């Protein structure tokens, strides 16, 4: 018998549409090892099976021919990017560039020490 997730634990909101979502780590498919946004509520039409780990994390796998139904403690879920309405056909904003690294400052040698060769 599939279970359902806690109604509020681990729920955040989508920054584009404001819908409640949960973040999970994908364990199969093209997104293996990546974080995937899921709709917060289970869906019988979902193509993913999600379950909570013992440490409180959320793990998701794709339902496939080998394992077509959710197992013991899993529930059916839908990836949020399949149902997000906040994009309105727009692309995601480009990632911000990282600021340039500061070069470490070079201190002059202390009194009585030799200056190293190659140091400026």
C-alpha atoms as a PDB file:
ATOM      1  CA  UNK A   1       0.000   0.000   0.000  1.00  0.00           C
ATOM      2  CA  UNK A   2       1.586   3.298  -1.049  1.00  0.00           C
ATOM      3  CA  UNK A   3       1.972   5.951   1.588  1.00  0.00           C
ATOM      4  CA  UNK A   4       1.725   9.714   1.291  1.00  0.00           C
ATOM      5  CA  UNK A   5       4.268  12.346   2.328  1.00  0.00           C
ATOM      6  CA  UNK A   6       3.963  14.625   5.324  1.00  0.00           C
ATOM      7  CA  UNK A   7       1.653  17.509   4.294  1.00  0.00           C
ATOM      8  CA  UNK A   8       4.048  20.349   5.181  1.00  0.00           C
ATOM      9  CA  UNK A   9       7.511  18.990   6.053  1.00  0.00           C
ATOM     10  CA  UNK A  10      10.049  19.773   3.344  1.00  0.00           C
ATOM     11  CA  UNK A  11       7.638  21.887   1.292  1.00  0.00           C
ATOM     12  CA  UNK A  12       8.850  25.116  -0.320  1.00  0.00           C
ATOM     13  CA  UNK A  13       7.378  27.286  -3.078  1.00  0.00           C
ATOM     14  CA  UNK A  14       8.331  27.559  -6.739  1.00  0.00           C
ATOM     15  CA  UNK A  15      10.024  30.890  -7.455  1.00  0.00           C
ATOM     16  CA  UNK A  16       8.199  31.171 -10.803  1.00  0.00           C
ATOM     17  CA  UNK A  17       4.600  30.145 -10.105  1.00  0.00           C
ATOM     18  CA  UNK A  18       4.400  30.025  -6.294  1.00  0.00           C
ATOM     19  CA  UNK A  19       3.129  26.421  -6.210  1.00  0.00           C
ATOM     20  CA  UNK A  20       4.185  24.182  -3.297  1.00  0.00           C
ATOM     21  CA  UNK A  21       7.068  21.885  -4.266  1.00  0.00           C
ATOM     22  CA  UNK A  22       9.466  19.392  -2.684  1.00  0.00           C
ATOM     23  CA  UNK A  23      13.078  18.882  -3.731  1.00  0.00           C
ATOM     24  CA  UNK A  24      14.210  15.288  -4.270  1.00  0.00           C
ATOM     25  CA  UNK A  25      17.372  13.556  -5.472  1.00  0.00           C
ATOM     26  CA  UNK A  26      16.900  11.488  -8.615  1.00  0.00           C
ATOM     27  CA  UNK A  27      18.160   7.901  -8.434  1.00  0.00           C
ATOM     28  CA  UNK A  28      17.494   6.838 -12.044  1.00  0.00           C
ATOM     29  CA  UNK A  29      17.128   8.120 -15.576  1.00  0.00           C
ATOM     30  CA  UNK A  30      18.816  11.051 -17.285  1.00  0.00           C
ATOM     31  CA  UNK A  31      18.804  13.179 -14.117  1.00  0.00           C
ATOM     32  CA  UNK A  32      20.502  10.578 -11.895  1.00  0.00           C
ATOM     33  CA  UNK A  33      22.141  12.260  -8.907  1.00  0.00           C
ATOM     34  CA  UNK A  34      20.538  15.655  -9.589  1.00  0.00           C
ATOM     35  CA  UNK A  35      17.953  17.515  -7.563  1.00  0.00           C
ATOM     36  CA  UNK A  36      14.473  17.405  -9.052  1.00  0.00           C
ATOM     37  CA  UNK A  37      11.502  19.600  -8.030  1.00  0.00           C
ATOM     38  CA  UNK A  38       8.328  17.600  -7.370  1.00  0.00           C
ATOM     39  CA  UNK A  39       4.781  18.808  -6.891  1.00  0.00           C
ATOM     40  CA  UNK A  40       4.156  18.692  -3.144  1.00  0.00           C
ATOM     41  CA  UNK A  41       1.068  16.496  -3.353  1.00  0.00           C
ATOM     42  CA  UNK A  42       1.069  12.918  -4.669  1.00  0.00           C
ATOM     43  CA  UNK A  43      -0.608  12.348  -8.027  1.00  0.00           C
ATOM     44  CA  UNK A  44      -2.068   9.069  -9.343  1.00  0.00           C
ATOM     45  CA  UNK A  45      -0.948  10.133 -12.842  1.00  0.00           C
ATOM     46  CA  UNK A  46       2.678  10.573 -11.758  1.00  0.00           C
ATOM     47  CA  UNK A  47       5.498   8.862 -13.604  1.00  0.00           C
ATOM     48  CA  UNK A  48       7.866   9.009 -10.636  1.00  0.00           C
ATOM     49  CA  UNK A  49       7.998   7.086  -7.363  1.00  0.00           C
ATOM     50  CA  UNK A  50       9.230   9.069  -4.349  1.00  0.00           C
ATOM     51  CA  UNK A  51      10.061   8.056  -0.791  1.00  0.00           C
ATOM     52  CA  UNK A  52      11.628   9.615   2.282  1.00  0.00           C
ATOM     53  CA  UNK A  53      14.983   8.265   3.429  1.00  0.00           C
ATOM     54  CA  UNK A  54      15.789   7.464   7.039  1.00  0.00           C
ATOM     55  CA  UNK A  55      17.665  10.761   7.366  1.00  0.00           C
ATOM     56  CA  UNK A  56      14.733  12.848   6.137  1.00  0.00           C
ATOM     57  CA  UNK A  57      15.838  13.322   2.528  1.00  0.00           C
ATOM     58  CA  UNK A  58      13.557  12.701  -0.419  1.00  0.00           C
ATOM     59  CA  UNK A  59      14.577  10.275  -3.176  1.00  0.00           C
ATOM     60  CA  UNK A  60      12.784   9.779  -6.490  1.00  0.00           C
ATOM     61  CA  UNK A  61      13.023   7.195  -9.261  1.00  0.00           C
ATOM     62  CA  UNK A  62      11.330   6.843 -12.632  1.00  0.00           C
ATOM     63  CA  UNK A  63       8.632   4.210 -12.982  1.00  0.00           C
ATOM     64  CA  UNK A  64       9.707   1.814 -15.754  1.00  0.00           C
ATOM     65  CA  UNK A  65       8.792  -1.593 -17.194  1.00  0.00           C
ATOM     66  CA  UNK A  66      10.810  -3.436 -14.529  1.00  0.00           C
ATOM     67  CA  UNK A  67       9.174  -1.596 -11.615  1.00  0.00           C
ATOM     68  CA  UNK A  68       5.962   0.040 -12.960  1.00  0.00           C
ATOM     69  CA  UNK A  69       4.271   0.698  -9.604  1.00  0.00           C
ATOM     70  CA  UNK A  70       5.361   2.370  -6.362  1.00  0.00           C
ATOM     71  CA  UNK A  71       6.734  -0.077  -3.833  1.00  0.00           C
ATOM     72  CA  UNK A  72       6.374  -0.363  -0.072  1.00  0.00           C
ATOM     73  CA  UNK A  73       6.840   3.219   1.201  1.00  0.00           C
ATOM     74  CA  UNK A  74       6.770   5.076  -2.138  1.00  0.00           C
ATOM     75  CA  UNK A  75       4.111   7.347  -3.604  1.00  0.00           C
ATOM     76  CA  UNK A  76       3.517   8.564  -7.160  1.00  0.00           C
ATOM     77  CA  UNK A  77       4.821  12.033  -7.883  1.00  0.00           C
ATOM     78  CA  UNK A  78       4.979  14.481 -10.803  1.00  0.00           C
ATOM     79  CA  UNK A  79       8.078  16.509 -11.663  1.00  0.00           C
ATOM     80  CA  UNK A  80       7.160  20.168 -11.136  1.00  0.00           C
ATOM     81  CA  UNK A  81       8.733  21.368 -14.371  1.00  0.00           C
ATOM     82  CA  UNK A  82       6.053  19.350 -16.224  1.00  0.00           C
ATOM     83  CA  UNK A  83       3.277  21.367 -14.572  1.00  0.00           C
ATOM     84  CA  UNK A  84       4.824  24.781 -13.762  1.00  0.00           C
ATOM     85  CA  UNK A  85       2.719  27.660 -15.079  1.00  0.00           C
ATOM     86  CA  UNK A  86       5.081  30.486 -14.127  1.00  0.00           C
ATOM     87  CA  UNK A  87       7.332  30.328 -17.185  1.00  0.00           C
ATOM     88  CA  UNK A  88       4.781  31.601 -19.732  1.00  0.00           C
ATOM     89  CA  UNK A  89       7.060  30.252 -22.448  1.00  0.00           C
ATOM     90  CA  UNK A  90      10.049  32.210 -21.172  1.00  0.00           C
ATOM     91  CA  UNK A  91      13.449  30.672 -20.714  1.00  0.00           C
ATOM     92  CA  UNK A  92      15.067  30.372 -17.332  1.00  0.00           C
ATOM     93  CA  UNK A  93      17.253  33.351 -16.420  1.00  0.00           C
ATOM     94  CA  UNK A  94      20.935  32.796 -17.227  1.00  0.00           C
ATOM     95  CA  UNK A  95      23.090  31.752 -14.279  1.00  0.00           C
ATOM     96  CA  UNK A  96      24.969  34.587 -12.637  1.00  0.00           C
ATOM     97  CA  UNK A  97      28.663  34.699 -13.297  1.00  0.00           C
ATOM     98  CA  UNK A  98      30.934  34.014 -10.363  1.00  0.00           C
ATOM     99  CA  UNK A  99      32.973  36.990  -9.191  1.00  0.00           C
ATOM    100  CA  UNK A 100      36.660  36.889 -10.028  1.00  0.00           C
ATOM    101  CA  UNK A 101      38.925  35.384  -7.378  1.00  0.00           C
ATOM    102  CA  UNK A 102      41.118  37.841  -5.556  1.00  0.00           C
ATOM    103  CA  UNK A 103      44.789  37.187  -5.848  1.00  0.00           C
ATOM    104  CA  UNK A 104      46.476  36.601  -2.526  1.00  0.00           C
ATOM    105  CA  UNK A 105      48.589  39.507  -1.368  1.00  0.00           C
ATOM    106  CA  UNK A 106      52.333  39.015  -1.098  1.00  0.00           C
ATOM    107  CA  UNK A 107      53.869  40.223   2.129  1.00  0.00           C
ATOM    108  CA  UNK A 108      57.375  41.641   2.176  1.00  0.00           C
ATOM    109  CA  UNK A 109      59.845  39.537   4.191  1.00  0.00           C
ATOM    110  CA  UNK A 110      60.075  40.188   7.895  1.00  0.00           C
ATOM    111  CA  UNK A 111      63.127  42.004   9.267  1.00  0.00           C
ATOM    112  CA  UNK A 112      66.191  39.817   8.998  1.00  0.00           C
ATOM    113  CA  UNK A 113      64.666  37.216   6.641  1.00  0.00           C
ATOM    114  CA  UNK A 114      65.905  36.555   3.141  1.00  0.00           C
ATOM    115  CA  UNK A 115      63.605  37.372   0.281  1.00  0.00           C
ATOM    116  CA  UNK A 116      62.769  34.266  -1.746  1.00  0.00           C
ATOM    117  CA  UNK A 117      63.814  34.135  -5.339  1.00  0.00           C
ATOM    118  CA  UNK A 118      60.900  34.460  -7.697  1.00  0.00           C
ATOM    119  CA  UNK A 119      58.850  36.473  -5.202  1.00  0.00           C
ATOM    120  CA  UNK A 120      58.060  40.005  -6.180  1.00  0.00           C
END
